[in-house]
């Protein structure tokens, strides 16, 4: 008589335990509609670690010495890391045509520019920012510091390697590829001229100790990341961004994201090419035109 292994499924209790553990670790919240997603995608981790079921997997996530790495790895399964160079061109035009000239004038004395690409996935965003600044060519003698960060170990490794396939260039003009990339086995490698401006780090946006080490930033890009957070987590992360930005610094979110009902600590500024958020002092806030 053939023997069939019973198929494993998340129980309601196991779903709540694992969901809450992930939430408290990094702020990502999975509602009841996401139960099937966790069930199917985490089953492969249960199998990979040769565990008896989701209850044992929960214990692994909670107590194993490799728990941090495991949670980092499952972020790849539960979130979308789809990105590409020069994404959301209208916002990048606002950055190069309006924000950067303002910063260049404002910071002429100390000649430093610090930009954070939070949740940078495989690195296309921080490298795009570096290419744009190099193309502008107005920062000779300046210290340019672009930090890209992501919670996923896998995508951080990809970003550090800096080799990309065709899918990453869907919005890239040929002249950028010719100037800033070298064709290599498996794709195109970003040139050292660009890489020297960018530091890639693995970072959990809920890790206050790591965030404190970043220092003050002039601009923070965090696009299509807070969509994974509930309101409580959004408030916590946006507050961290507020504390990280210098006075008057800019926060650039994804086109479908806003700070409505999250905070009034940023002013919505209407630029010619886009609307962006600018840090205000705690007594002001509102709309800047």
C-alpha atoms as a PDB file:
ATOM      1  CA  UNK A   1       0.000   0.000   0.000  1.00  0.00           C
ATOM      2  CA  UNK A   2       1.562   3.373  -0.976  1.00  0.00           C
ATOM      3  CA  UNK A   3       2.486   5.738   1.826  1.00  0.00           C
ATOM      4  CA  UNK A   4       1.690   9.432   1.462  1.00  0.00           C
ATOM      5  CA  UNK A   5       3.114  12.147   3.689  1.00  0.00           C
ATOM      6  CA  UNK A   6       0.295  14.401   4.915  1.00  0.00           C
ATOM      7  CA  UNK A   7       0.669  17.881   3.383  1.00  0.00           C
ATOM      8  CA  UNK A   8       1.596  20.538   5.921  1.00  0.00           C
ATOM      9  CA  UNK A   9      -0.520  23.643   6.367  1.00  0.00           C
ATOM     10  CA  UNK A  10      -0.301  26.590   8.729  1.00  0.00           C
ATOM     11  CA  UNK A  11      -2.854  26.407  11.502  1.00  0.00           C
ATOM     12  CA  UNK A  12      -4.507  29.634  12.590  1.00  0.00           C
ATOM     13  CA  UNK A  13      -2.384  29.694  15.753  1.00  0.00           C
ATOM     14  CA  UNK A  14       0.855  29.035  13.856  1.00  0.00           C
ATOM     15  CA  UNK A  15      -0.009  31.796  11.382  1.00  0.00           C
ATOM     16  CA  UNK A  16      -0.541  34.300  14.200  1.00  0.00           C
ATOM     17  CA  UNK A  17       2.666  33.260  15.996  1.00  0.00           C
ATOM     18  CA  UNK A  18       4.871  33.574  12.896  1.00  0.00           C
ATOM     19  CA  UNK A  19       3.137  36.706  11.645  1.00  0.00           C
ATOM     20  CA  UNK A  20       3.571  38.468  14.987  1.00  0.00           C
ATOM     21  CA  UNK A  21       7.200  37.379  15.299  1.00  0.00           C
ATOM     22  CA  UNK A  22       8.015  38.893  11.879  1.00  0.00           C
ATOM     23  CA  UNK A  23       6.060  42.025  12.731  1.00  0.00           C
ATOM     24  CA  UNK A  24       7.900  42.668  15.976  1.00  0.00           C
ATOM     25  CA  UNK A  25      11.245  42.018  14.300  1.00  0.00           C
ATOM     26  CA  UNK A  26      10.953  44.320  11.301  1.00  0.00           C
ATOM     27  CA  UNK A  27       7.489  45.894  11.166  1.00  0.00           C
ATOM     28  CA  UNK A  28       6.176  43.966   8.177  1.00  0.00           C
ATOM     29  CA  UNK A  29       2.552  43.036   8.823  1.00  0.00           C
ATOM     30  CA  UNK A  30       0.672  40.233   7.107  1.00  0.00           C
ATOM     31  CA  UNK A  31      -3.098  40.330   7.478  1.00  0.00           C
ATOM     32  CA  UNK A  32      -5.466  37.351   7.418  1.00  0.00           C
ATOM     33  CA  UNK A  33      -5.571  37.464   3.617  1.00  0.00           C
ATOM     34  CA  UNK A  34      -1.842  36.733   3.599  1.00  0.00           C
ATOM     35  CA  UNK A  35      -2.168  33.410   5.408  1.00  0.00           C
ATOM     36  CA  UNK A  36      -2.068  31.422   2.157  1.00  0.00           C
ATOM     37  CA  UNK A  37       1.038  33.364   1.057  1.00  0.00           C
ATOM     38  CA  UNK A  38       2.896  32.507   4.272  1.00  0.00           C
ATOM     39  CA  UNK A  39       1.630  28.936   4.151  1.00  0.00           C
ATOM     40  CA  UNK A  40       2.929  28.201   0.658  1.00  0.00           C
ATOM     41  CA  UNK A  41       6.138  30.224   0.742  1.00  0.00           C
ATOM     42  CA  UNK A  42       7.339  29.266   4.200  1.00  0.00           C
ATOM     43  CA  UNK A  43       6.683  25.573   3.602  1.00  0.00           C
ATOM     44  CA  UNK A  44       9.834  25.485   1.482  1.00  0.00           C
ATOM     45  CA  UNK A  45      11.806  26.792   4.487  1.00  0.00           C
ATOM     46  CA  UNK A  46      10.284  24.102   6.730  1.00  0.00           C
ATOM     47  CA  UNK A  47      11.352  21.504   4.169  1.00  0.00           C
ATOM     48  CA  UNK A  48      14.795  23.065   3.648  1.00  0.00           C
ATOM     49  CA  UNK A  49      15.569  22.873   7.365  1.00  0.00           C
ATOM     50  CA  UNK A  50      14.092  19.377   7.609  1.00  0.00           C
ATOM     51  CA  UNK A  51      11.638  20.421  10.319  1.00  0.00           C
ATOM     52  CA  UNK A  52       8.518  18.544  11.344  1.00  0.00           C
ATOM     53  CA  UNK A  53       6.149  21.450  10.703  1.00  0.00           C
ATOM     54  CA  UNK A  54       5.368  25.121  11.168  1.00  0.00           C
ATOM     55  CA  UNK A  55       5.329  24.880  14.978  1.00  0.00           C
ATOM     56  CA  UNK A  56       8.948  23.725  14.950  1.00  0.00           C
ATOM     57  CA  UNK A  57       9.739  26.400  12.340  1.00  0.00           C
ATOM     58  CA  UNK A  58       8.349  29.037  14.688  1.00  0.00           C
ATOM     59  CA  UNK A  59      10.659  27.760  17.446  1.00  0.00           C
ATOM     60  CA  UNK A  60      13.535  27.938  14.939  1.00  0.00           C
ATOM     61  CA  UNK A  61      12.706  31.576  14.121  1.00  0.00           C
ATOM     62  CA  UNK A  62      12.426  32.451  17.789  1.00  0.00           C
ATOM     63  CA  UNK A  63      15.356  30.685  19.376  1.00  0.00           C
ATOM     64  CA  UNK A  64      17.882  29.346  16.854  1.00  0.00           C
ATOM     65  CA  UNK A  65      21.263  31.092  16.727  1.00  0.00           C
ATOM     66  CA  UNK A  66      20.670  31.663  13.008  1.00  0.00           C
ATOM     67  CA  UNK A  67      17.248  33.241  13.536  1.00  0.00           C
ATOM     68  CA  UNK A  68      18.333  36.695  12.296  1.00  0.00           C
ATOM     69  CA  UNK A  69      19.645  35.235   9.057  1.00  0.00           C
ATOM     70  CA  UNK A  70      16.521  33.122   8.599  1.00  0.00           C
ATOM     71  CA  UNK A  71      14.163  36.084   8.981  1.00  0.00           C
ATOM     72  CA  UNK A  72      16.327  38.004   6.529  1.00  0.00           C
ATOM     73  CA  UNK A  73      16.096  35.131   4.057  1.00  0.00           C
ATOM     74  CA  UNK A  74      12.327  34.798   4.256  1.00  0.00           C
ATOM     75  CA  UNK A  75      11.919  38.497   3.464  1.00  0.00           C
ATOM     76  CA  UNK A  76      12.963  37.525  -0.062  1.00  0.00           C
ATOM     77  CA  UNK A  77      10.046  35.110  -0.221  1.00  0.00           C
ATOM     78  CA  UNK A  78       7.429  37.410   1.263  1.00  0.00           C
ATOM     79  CA  UNK A  79       8.200  40.762  -0.357  1.00  0.00           C
ATOM     80  CA  UNK A  80       8.761  42.037  -3.873  1.00  0.00           C
ATOM     81  CA  UNK A  81      12.277  43.146  -4.763  1.00  0.00           C
ATOM     82  CA  UNK A  82      11.431  44.200  -8.297  1.00  0.00           C
ATOM     83  CA  UNK A  83      13.279  47.381  -9.245  1.00  0.00           C
ATOM     84  CA  UNK A  84      15.327  48.897 -12.058  1.00  0.00           C
ATOM     85  CA  UNK A  85      17.618  51.828 -12.866  1.00  0.00           C
ATOM     86  CA  UNK A  86      16.047  55.294 -13.287  1.00  0.00           C
ATOM     87  CA  UNK A  87      12.714  54.183 -11.824  1.00  0.00           C
ATOM     88  CA  UNK A  88      10.060  56.933 -11.484  1.00  0.00           C
ATOM     89  CA  UNK A  89      11.790  59.385 -13.802  1.00  0.00           C
ATOM     90  CA  UNK A  90       9.595  62.355 -12.894  1.00  0.00           C
ATOM     91  CA  UNK A  91      10.744  62.125  -9.267  1.00  0.00           C
ATOM     92  CA  UNK A  92      14.374  61.830 -10.317  1.00  0.00           C
ATOM     93  CA  UNK A  93      13.949  64.996 -12.386  1.00  0.00           C
ATOM     94  CA  UNK A  94      12.666  66.753  -9.279  1.00  0.00           C
ATOM     95  CA  UNK A  95      15.796  65.511  -7.516  1.00  0.00           C
ATOM     96  CA  UNK A  96      18.307  66.626 -10.156  1.00  0.00           C
ATOM     97  CA  UNK A  97      16.597  69.824 -11.354  1.00  0.00           C
ATOM     98  CA  UNK A  98      15.296  71.255  -8.097  1.00  0.00           C
ATOM     99  CA  UNK A  99      16.508  69.496  -4.947  1.00  0.00           C
ATOM    100  CA  UNK A 100      20.176  69.061  -5.882  1.00  0.00           C
ATOM    101  CA  UNK A 101      20.692  72.708  -6.996  1.00  0.00           C
ATOM    102  CA  UNK A 102      19.187  73.856  -3.701  1.00  0.00           C
ATOM    103  CA  UNK A 103      21.483  71.542  -1.730  1.00  0.00           C
ATOM    104  CA  UNK A 104      24.526  72.554  -3.805  1.00  0.00           C
ATOM    105  CA  UNK A 105      23.931  76.167  -2.865  1.00  0.00           C
ATOM    106  CA  UNK A 106      22.993  75.469   0.737  1.00  0.00           C
ATOM    107  CA  UNK A 107      25.976  73.231   1.445  1.00  0.00           C
ATOM    108  CA  UNK A 108      28.622  75.157  -0.465  1.00  0.00           C
ATOM    109  CA  UNK A 109      30.555  75.739   2.743  1.00  0.00           C
ATOM    110  CA  UNK A 110      31.006  72.181   4.022  1.00  0.00           C
ATOM    111  CA  UNK A 111      30.829  70.600   0.523  1.00  0.00           C
ATOM    112  CA  UNK A 112      29.299  67.329   1.629  1.00  0.00           C
ATOM    113  CA  UNK A 113      26.182  65.611   0.363  1.00  0.00           C
ATOM    114  CA  UNK A 114      24.705  62.559   2.122  1.00  0.00           C
ATOM    115  CA  UNK A 115      21.868  60.522   0.654  1.00  0.00           C
ATOM    116  CA  UNK A 116      20.222  57.334   1.969  1.00  0.00           C
ATOM    117  CA  UNK A 117      18.418  54.872  -0.270  1.00  0.00           C
ATOM    118  CA  UNK A 118      16.412  52.911   2.336  1.00  0.00           C
ATOM    119  CA  UNK A 119      15.087  49.532   1.190  1.00  0.00           C
ATOM    120  CA  UNK A 120      17.293  49.669  -1.901  1.00  0.00           C
ATOM    121  CA  UNK A 121      16.770  46.037  -2.900  1.00  0.00           C
ATOM    122  CA  UNK A 122      19.419  44.996  -5.467  1.00  0.00           C
ATOM    123  CA  UNK A 123      21.011  48.436  -5.594  1.00  0.00           C
ATOM    124  CA  UNK A 124      19.667  50.029  -8.765  1.00  0.00           C
ATOM    125  CA  UNK A 125      18.382  53.087  -6.870  1.00  0.00           C
ATOM    126  CA  UNK A 126      21.575  54.189  -5.050  1.00  0.00           C
ATOM    127  CA  UNK A 127      23.629  53.579  -8.204  1.00  0.00           C
ATOM    128  CA  UNK A 128      21.094  55.622 -10.214  1.00  0.00           C
ATOM    129  CA  UNK A 129      21.502  58.493  -7.750  1.00  0.00           C
ATOM    130  CA  UNK A 130      25.296  58.271  -8.080  1.00  0.00           C
ATOM    131  CA  UNK A 131      25.108  58.284 -11.888  1.00  0.00           C
ATOM    132  CA  UNK A 132      22.849  61.328 -11.863  1.00  0.00           C
ATOM    133  CA  UNK A 133      25.198  63.250  -9.588  1.00  0.00           C
ATOM    134  CA  UNK A 134      28.213  62.336 -11.707  1.00  0.00           C
ATOM    135  CA  UNK A 135      26.327  63.389 -14.825  1.00  0.00           C
ATOM    136  CA  UNK A 136      25.529  66.772 -13.272  1.00  0.00           C
ATOM    137  CA  UNK A 137      29.254  67.269 -12.770  1.00  0.00           C
ATOM    138  CA  UNK A 138      28.930  70.071 -10.245  1.00  0.00           C
ATOM    139  CA  UNK A 139      30.374  68.326  -7.206  1.00  0.00           C
ATOM    140  CA  UNK A 140      34.095  68.202  -7.917  1.00  0.00           C
ATOM    141  CA  UNK A 141      35.914  68.375  -4.584  1.00  0.00           C
ATOM    142  CA  UNK A 142      32.781  67.477  -2.636  1.00  0.00           C
ATOM    143  CA  UNK A 143      32.356  64.468  -0.385  1.00  0.00           C
ATOM    144  CA  UNK A 144      29.442  62.489  -1.823  1.00  0.00           C
ATOM    145  CA  UNK A 145      28.145  59.725   0.439  1.00  0.00           C
ATOM    146  CA  UNK A 146      25.286  57.551  -0.827  1.00  0.00           C
ATOM    147  CA  UNK A 147      24.142  54.729   1.487  1.00  0.00           C
ATOM    148  CA  UNK A 148      21.969  51.928   0.154  1.00  0.00           C
ATOM    149  CA  UNK A 149      20.390  49.586   2.697  1.00  0.00           C
ATOM    150  CA  UNK A 150      18.051  46.621   2.725  1.00  0.00           C
ATOM    151  CA  UNK A 151      16.994  44.004   5.263  1.00  0.00           C
ATOM    152  CA  UNK A 152      17.593  41.139   2.839  1.00  0.00           C
ATOM    153  CA  UNK A 153      21.042  39.567   2.876  1.00  0.00           C
ATOM    154  CA  UNK A 154      20.540  38.168  -0.641  1.00  0.00           C
ATOM    155  CA  UNK A 155      19.714  41.467  -2.339  1.00  0.00           C
ATOM    156  CA  UNK A 156      22.477  43.279  -0.446  1.00  0.00           C
ATOM    157  CA  UNK A 157      24.976  40.763  -1.823  1.00  0.00           C
ATOM    158  CA  UNK A 158      23.567  41.362  -5.299  1.00  0.00           C
ATOM    159  CA  UNK A 159      23.893  45.132  -4.867  1.00  0.00           C
ATOM    160  CA  UNK A 160      27.482  44.827  -3.688  1.00  0.00           C
ATOM    161  CA  UNK A 161      28.380  42.673  -6.676  1.00  0.00           C
ATOM    162  CA  UNK A 162      26.947  45.349  -8.974  1.00  0.00           C
ATOM    163  CA  UNK A 163      26.259  43.161 -12.019  1.00  0.00           C
ATOM    164  CA  UNK A 164      22.872  43.536 -13.713  1.00  0.00           C
ATOM    165  CA  UNK A 165      20.870  41.900 -16.471  1.00  0.00           C
ATOM    166  CA  UNK A 166      18.651  43.449 -19.131  1.00  0.00           C
ATOM    167  CA  UNK A 167      15.593  43.715 -16.879  1.00  0.00           C
ATOM    168  CA  UNK A 168      17.358  46.339 -14.773  1.00  0.00           C
ATOM    169  CA  UNK A 169      17.876  48.600 -17.804  1.00  0.00           C
ATOM    170  CA  UNK A 170      14.287  48.885 -19.037  1.00  0.00           C
ATOM    171  CA  UNK A 171      14.278  52.657 -18.345  1.00  0.00           C
ATOM    172  CA  UNK A 172      17.967  53.382 -18.905  1.00  0.00           C
ATOM    173  CA  UNK A 173      19.192  55.550 -21.760  1.00  0.00           C
ATOM    174  CA  UNK A 174      21.982  53.989 -23.788  1.00  0.00           C
ATOM    175  CA  UNK A 175      24.388  56.796 -22.962  1.00  0.00           C
ATOM    176  CA  UNK A 176      24.311  55.833 -19.251  1.00  0.00           C
ATOM    177  CA  UNK A 177      25.130  52.218 -20.066  1.00  0.00           C
ATOM    178  CA  UNK A 178      28.052  53.282 -22.266  1.00  0.00           C
ATOM    179  CA  UNK A 179      29.465  55.670 -19.686  1.00  0.00           C
ATOM    180  CA  UNK A 180      28.891  53.834 -16.406  1.00  0.00           C
ATOM    181  CA  UNK A 181      28.858  50.085 -17.169  1.00  0.00           C
ATOM    182  CA  UNK A 182      31.230  47.454 -18.486  1.00  0.00           C
ATOM    183  CA  UNK A 183      29.881  44.359 -20.189  1.00  0.00           C
ATOM    184  CA  UNK A 184      30.845  41.282 -18.219  1.00  0.00           C
ATOM    185  CA  UNK A 185      29.876  37.663 -17.927  1.00  0.00           C
ATOM    186  CA  UNK A 186      26.240  37.493 -16.908  1.00  0.00           C
ATOM    187  CA  UNK A 187      25.384  41.135 -17.606  1.00  0.00           C
ATOM    188  CA  UNK A 188      26.759  44.619 -17.132  1.00  0.00           C
ATOM    189  CA  UNK A 189      28.993  45.611 -14.236  1.00  0.00           C
ATOM    190  CA  UNK A 190      28.658  49.080 -12.710  1.00  0.00           C
ATOM    191  CA  UNK A 191      31.927  51.002 -13.019  1.00  0.00           C
ATOM    192  CA  UNK A 192      34.138  51.870 -10.059  1.00  0.00           C
ATOM    193  CA  UNK A 193      33.521  55.584 -10.621  1.00  0.00           C
ATOM    194  CA  UNK A 194      29.930  54.987  -9.514  1.00  0.00           C
ATOM    195  CA  UNK A 195      30.627  52.319  -6.894  1.00  0.00           C
ATOM    196  CA  UNK A 196      33.057  54.602  -5.058  1.00  0.00           C
ATOM    197  CA  UNK A 197      30.180  56.919  -4.158  1.00  0.00           C
ATOM    198  CA  UNK A 198      27.948  54.147  -2.818  1.00  0.00           C
ATOM    199  CA  UNK A 199      28.047  52.036   0.357  1.00  0.00           C
ATOM    200  CA  UNK A 200      25.675  49.073   0.585  1.00  0.00           C
ATOM    201  CA  UNK A 201      24.608  47.791   4.033  1.00  0.00           C
ATOM    202  CA  UNK A 202      22.221  45.191   5.399  1.00  0.00           C
ATOM    203  CA  UNK A 203      19.900  47.059   7.730  1.00  0.00           C
ATOM    204  CA  UNK A 204      16.573  46.543   9.477  1.00  0.00           C
ATOM    205  CA  UNK A 205      14.646  49.842   9.590  1.00  0.00           C
ATOM    206  CA  UNK A 206      13.485  48.825  13.081  1.00  0.00           C
ATOM    207  CA  UNK A 207      17.042  48.540  14.393  1.00  0.00           C
ATOM    208  CA  UNK A 208      17.465  51.844  16.239  1.00  0.00           C
ATOM    209  CA  UNK A 209      21.085  51.146  17.136  1.00  0.00           C
ATOM    210  CA  UNK A 210      22.086  50.691  13.483  1.00  0.00           C
ATOM    211  CA  UNK A 211      20.082  53.707  12.374  1.00  0.00           C
ATOM    212  CA  UNK A 212      21.834  55.865  14.954  1.00  0.00           C
ATOM    213  CA  UNK A 213      25.165  55.063  13.285  1.00  0.00           C
ATOM    214  CA  UNK A 214      24.092  56.471   9.936  1.00  0.00           C
ATOM    215  CA  UNK A 215      24.546  60.101  10.874  1.00  0.00           C
ATOM    216  CA  UNK A 216      22.568  62.957   9.350  1.00  0.00           C
ATOM    217  CA  UNK A 217      21.305  62.746   5.771  1.00  0.00           C
ATOM    218  CA  UNK A 218      20.340  65.463   3.289  1.00  0.00           C
ATOM    219  CA  UNK A 219      17.937  63.290   1.313  1.00  0.00           C
ATOM    220  CA  UNK A 220      16.244  59.953   2.009  1.00  0.00           C
ATOM    221  CA  UNK A 221      14.764  57.864  -0.772  1.00  0.00           C
ATOM    222  CA  UNK A 222      12.396  55.201   0.539  1.00  0.00           C
ATOM    223  CA  UNK A 223      10.209  54.183  -2.355  1.00  0.00           C
ATOM    224  CA  UNK A 224       7.667  51.374  -2.309  1.00  0.00           C
ATOM    225  CA  UNK A 225       8.824  50.091   1.080  1.00  0.00           C
ATOM    226  CA  UNK A 226       6.380  51.413   3.690  1.00  0.00           C
ATOM    227  CA  UNK A 227       3.506  49.859   1.727  1.00  0.00           C
ATOM    228  CA  UNK A 228       4.407  46.669   3.602  1.00  0.00           C
ATOM    229  CA  UNK A 229       3.950  48.319   7.008  1.00  0.00           C
ATOM    230  CA  UNK A 230       0.843  48.878   9.092  1.00  0.00           C
ATOM    231  CA  UNK A 231       0.150  52.355  10.454  1.00  0.00           C
ATOM    232  CA  UNK A 232       2.038  51.785  13.720  1.00  0.00           C
ATOM    233  CA  UNK A 233       5.149  50.578  11.896  1.00  0.00           C
ATOM    234  CA  UNK A 234       4.932  53.399   9.365  1.00  0.00           C
ATOM    235  CA  UNK A 235       4.920  55.950  12.177  1.00  0.00           C
ATOM    236  CA  UNK A 236       7.957  54.326  13.767  1.00  0.00           C
ATOM    237  CA  UNK A 237       9.963  54.231  10.528  1.00  0.00           C
ATOM    238  CA  UNK A 238       8.975  57.741   9.414  1.00  0.00           C
ATOM    239  CA  UNK A 239       9.971  59.053  12.843  1.00  0.00           C
ATOM    240  CA  UNK A 240      13.375  57.406  12.354  1.00  0.00           C
ATOM    241  CA  UNK A 241      13.668  59.135   8.972  1.00  0.00           C
ATOM    242  CA  UNK A 242      12.778  62.454  10.596  1.00  0.00           C
ATOM    243  CA  UNK A 243      15.520  62.007  13.182  1.00  0.00           C
ATOM    244  CA  UNK A 244      18.038  61.001  10.510  1.00  0.00           C
ATOM    245  CA  UNK A 245      17.413  63.950   8.196  1.00  0.00           C
ATOM    246  CA  UNK A 246      19.105  67.265   8.812  1.00  0.00           C
ATOM    247  CA  UNK A 247      16.829  70.298   9.115  1.00  0.00           C
ATOM    248  CA  UNK A 248      15.163  71.028   5.780  1.00  0.00           C
ATOM    249  CA  UNK A 249      16.170  67.632   4.364  1.00  0.00           C
ATOM    250  CA  UNK A 250      13.998  65.818   1.839  1.00  0.00           C
ATOM    251  CA  UNK A 251      12.083  62.528   2.040  1.00  0.00           C
ATOM    252  CA  UNK A 252      11.122  60.943  -1.286  1.00  0.00           C
ATOM    253  CA  UNK A 253       8.511  58.164  -1.125  1.00  0.00           C
ATOM    254  CA  UNK A 254       6.997  55.986  -3.854  1.00  0.00           C
ATOM    255  CA  UNK A 255       4.276  57.489  -6.032  1.00  0.00           C
ATOM    256  CA  UNK A 256       1.544  55.511  -4.253  1.00  0.00           C
ATOM    257  CA  UNK A 257       2.758  56.334  -0.728  1.00  0.00           C
ATOM    258  CA  UNK A 258       1.965  59.321   1.458  1.00  0.00           C
ATOM    259  CA  UNK A 259       2.333  60.558   5.027  1.00  0.00           C
ATOM    260  CA  UNK A 260      -1.370  61.253   5.402  1.00  0.00           C
ATOM    261  CA  UNK A 261      -2.480  60.142   8.876  1.00  0.00           C
ATOM    262  CA  UNK A 262       1.151  59.279   9.690  1.00  0.00           C
ATOM    263  CA  UNK A 263       2.810  62.552  10.701  1.00  0.00           C
ATOM    264  CA  UNK A 264       2.692  66.325  10.242  1.00  0.00           C
ATOM    265  CA  UNK A 265       6.426  66.663  10.817  1.00  0.00           C
ATOM    266  CA  UNK A 266       7.086  66.918   7.089  1.00  0.00           C
ATOM    267  CA  UNK A 267       5.771  69.585   4.737  1.00  0.00           C
ATOM    268  CA  UNK A 268       4.441  68.494   1.364  1.00  0.00           C
ATOM    269  CA  UNK A 269       6.426  70.576  -1.124  1.00  0.00           C
ATOM    270  CA  UNK A 270       5.121  71.093  -4.650  1.00  0.00           C
ATOM    271  CA  UNK A 271       8.053  71.097  -7.075  1.00  0.00           C
ATOM    272  CA  UNK A 272       7.728  71.484 -10.839  1.00  0.00           C
ATOM    273  CA  UNK A 273       8.257  67.786 -11.486  1.00  0.00           C
ATOM    274  CA  UNK A 274       6.838  66.110  -8.395  1.00  0.00           C
ATOM    275  CA  UNK A 275       5.588  66.512  -4.849  1.00  0.00           C
ATOM    276  CA  UNK A 276       8.101  65.631  -2.143  1.00  0.00           C
ATOM    277  CA  UNK A 277       8.289  65.815   1.635  1.00  0.00           C
ATOM    278  CA  UNK A 278      10.588  68.228   3.453  1.00  0.00           C
ATOM    279  CA  UNK A 279      11.516  68.056   7.128  1.00  0.00           C
ATOM    280  CA  UNK A 280      10.131  70.918   9.167  1.00  0.00           C
ATOM    281  CA  UNK A 281      10.523  71.798  12.791  1.00  0.00           C
ATOM    282  CA  UNK A 282       7.919  70.299  15.110  1.00  0.00           C
ATOM    283  CA  UNK A 283       5.976  73.518  15.426  1.00  0.00           C
ATOM    284  CA  UNK A 284       5.277  73.942  11.718  1.00  0.00           C
ATOM    285  CA  UNK A 285       4.303  71.377   9.082  1.00  0.00           C
ATOM    286  CA  UNK A 286       1.720  71.584   6.373  1.00  0.00           C
ATOM    287  CA  UNK A 287       2.007  72.393   2.700  1.00  0.00           C
ATOM    288  CA  UNK A 288       4.833  74.272   1.017  1.00  0.00           C
ATOM    289  CA  UNK A 289       4.199  75.496  -2.521  1.00  0.00           C
END
